[in-house]
Protein backbone atom coordinates (compact mmCIF):
# COMPACT_ATOMS: atom_id res chain seq x y z
CA MET A 1 7.46 16.59 -3.42
CA GLN A 2 10.13 15.85 -5.98
CA ILE A 3 9.46 16.64 -9.61
CA ASP A 4 10.76 13.22 -10.66
CA ASN A 5 8.01 11.68 -8.48
CA PRO A 6 4.92 13.73 -9.23
CA LEU A 7 1.44 13.38 -7.81
CA LEU A 8 -0.82 11.83 -10.45
CA ILE A 9 -4.51 12.77 -10.20
CA LYS A 10 -6.96 10.71 -12.25
CA CYS A 11 -10.23 12.44 -13.14
CA ILE A 12 -13.53 10.88 -14.14
CA ASP A 13 -13.73 12.69 -17.48
CA LYS A 14 -12.51 15.72 -19.45
CA GLN A 15 -15.02 18.02 -17.73
CA GLN A 16 -13.70 17.15 -14.27
CA LEU A 17 -10.13 17.41 -15.56
CA LYS A 18 -10.74 20.92 -16.89
CA SER A 19 -12.49 21.98 -13.68
CA LEU A 20 -9.62 20.72 -11.55
CA ASP A 21 -7.13 22.44 -13.86
CA ARG A 22 -8.96 25.76 -13.34
CA LEU A 23 -9.20 25.24 -9.57
CA LEU A 24 -5.47 24.58 -9.27
CA ASP A 25 -4.76 27.71 -11.33
CA CYS A 26 -6.62 29.90 -8.86
CA PHE A 27 -6.17 27.90 -5.66
CA CYS A 28 -5.44 31.06 -3.71
CA PRO A 29 -5.15 34.66 -5.00
CA ARG A 30 -1.47 34.77 -4.00
CA ASP A 31 -0.54 31.15 -4.73
CA PHE A 32 -0.35 28.81 -7.66
CA LEU A 33 -0.15 25.02 -7.57
CA PRO A 34 2.14 24.05 -10.45
CA HIS A 35 0.57 21.30 -12.50
CA SER A 36 0.14 20.06 -16.02
CA LEU A 37 -2.36 18.08 -18.01
CA GLU A 38 -1.13 14.64 -18.94
CA ASP A 39 -1.41 15.34 -22.67
CA ASP A 40 0.09 18.83 -22.78
CA GLY A 41 3.70 17.71 -23.18
CA SER A 42 5.04 19.41 -20.05
CA LYS A 43 4.38 16.59 -17.59
CA ASN A 44 8.06 15.90 -17.01
CA SER A 45 8.57 19.26 -15.32
CA SER A 46 5.41 19.39 -13.20
CA PRO A 47 4.98 18.13 -9.62
CA ILE A 48 1.26 17.49 -10.25
CA ILE A 49 -0.07 15.67 -13.33
CA ILE A 50 -3.79 15.56 -14.09
CA THR A 51 -5.14 12.85 -16.40
CA GLU A 52 -8.28 10.96 -17.29
CA ARG A 53 -6.41 7.97 -18.72
CA ASP A 54 -5.68 4.73 -16.91
CA CYS A 55 -2.26 4.67 -15.29
CA ASN A 56 -0.70 1.63 -16.89
CA ASN A 57 2.92 2.52 -16.18
CA TYR A 58 3.30 4.69 -19.28
CA TYR A 59 4.91 7.65 -17.52
CA LYS A 60 8.58 8.47 -17.99
CA TYR A 61 8.93 8.98 -14.24
CA GLU A 62 7.01 6.73 -11.93
CA PRO A 63 4.81 8.90 -9.74
CA ASN A 64 4.82 7.74 -6.15
CA ILE A 65 1.41 9.14 -5.19
CA PHE A 66 -1.82 8.44 -7.06
CA MET A 67 -5.06 10.27 -6.28
CA ASN A 68 -8.10 8.62 -7.79
CA LEU A 69 -11.20 10.78 -8.25
CA CYS A 70 -13.03 8.04 -10.19
CA PHE A 71 -15.61 5.59 -8.91
CA SER A 72 -13.64 2.64 -10.26
CA ILE A 73 -10.26 1.32 -9.17
CA ASP A 74 -7.45 1.95 -11.62
CA LEU A 75 -5.64 -1.38 -11.92
CA GLY A 76 -2.31 0.43 -12.29
CA PHE A 77 -2.56 1.49 -8.62
CA SER A 78 -0.01 -1.09 -7.49
CA SER A 79 2.86 0.76 -9.19
CA PHE A 80 2.45 3.65 -6.72
CA ASN A 81 3.83 3.93 -3.20
CA ARG A 82 0.65 5.61 -1.99
CA VAL A 83 -2.93 5.68 -3.26
CA ILE A 84 -5.49 8.27 -2.21
CA GLU A 85 -9.14 7.51 -2.90
CA ILE A 86 -11.56 10.39 -2.52
CA VAL A 87 -15.08 9.50 -1.35
CA THR A 88 -17.71 12.22 -1.14
CA ARG A 89 -20.87 12.12 0.96
CA SER A 90 -23.22 11.12 -1.86
CA ASP A 91 -24.83 7.70 -1.53
CA GLU A 92 -23.38 6.61 -4.87
CA ALA A 93 -19.85 7.65 -3.89
CA LYS A 94 -20.16 5.90 -0.52
CA LYS A 95 -21.25 2.68 -2.26
CA PHE A 96 -18.21 2.74 -4.54
CA GLY A 97 -15.98 3.79 -1.64
CA ARG A 98 -17.01 0.76 0.38
CA SER A 99 -16.34 -1.48 -2.60
CA LYS A 100 -12.85 0.02 -3.06
CA TYR A 101 -12.13 -0.33 0.65
CA GLN A 102 -13.02 -4.02 0.52
CA PHE A 103 -10.95 -4.51 -2.67
CA TYR A 104 -7.78 -3.12 -1.08
CA ARG A 105 -8.28 -4.89 2.26
CA GLU A 106 -8.85 -8.28 0.60
CA ARG A 107 -5.51 -7.89 -1.15
CA GLY A 108 -3.66 -7.10 2.05
CA TYR A 109 -3.19 -3.35 1.62
CA GLU A 110 -3.26 -1.17 4.69
CA VAL A 111 -6.23 1.17 4.47
CA ILE A 112 -6.24 4.37 6.50
CA ASN A 113 -9.40 6.49 6.63
CA HIS A 114 -9.37 10.25 7.05
CA ASP A 115 -12.74 11.90 7.58
CA VAL A 116 -11.93 15.44 6.46
CA SER A 117 -15.54 16.54 6.97
CA LYS A 118 -14.81 16.67 10.70
CA LEU A 119 -11.84 19.01 10.36
CA SER A 120 -12.45 22.54 11.52
């Protein structure tokens, strides 16, 4: 991943953002995933940016990968080369996941599903 094309991860709220920040800090005892919070001023040097704001093309560098952890679709998604939507097993998440799937398909986007629950 190039630093001038970071991964942008959109969180539901500040609580999820802070939890993800902590998880990336201690991903593995020997490893660290370099990242920054969107508002901390260091986003230009980080390969992973975490935010809770909508992505309306306000970044200095256009990220090419967008990971959406929210239930709603961020309408700035079309400025990214790749969009990753995370859907958990909860009934609520599945409902929103199906709605997102239909949204993208109706607009002609290729949708590829990966069921990571079946990975060993």
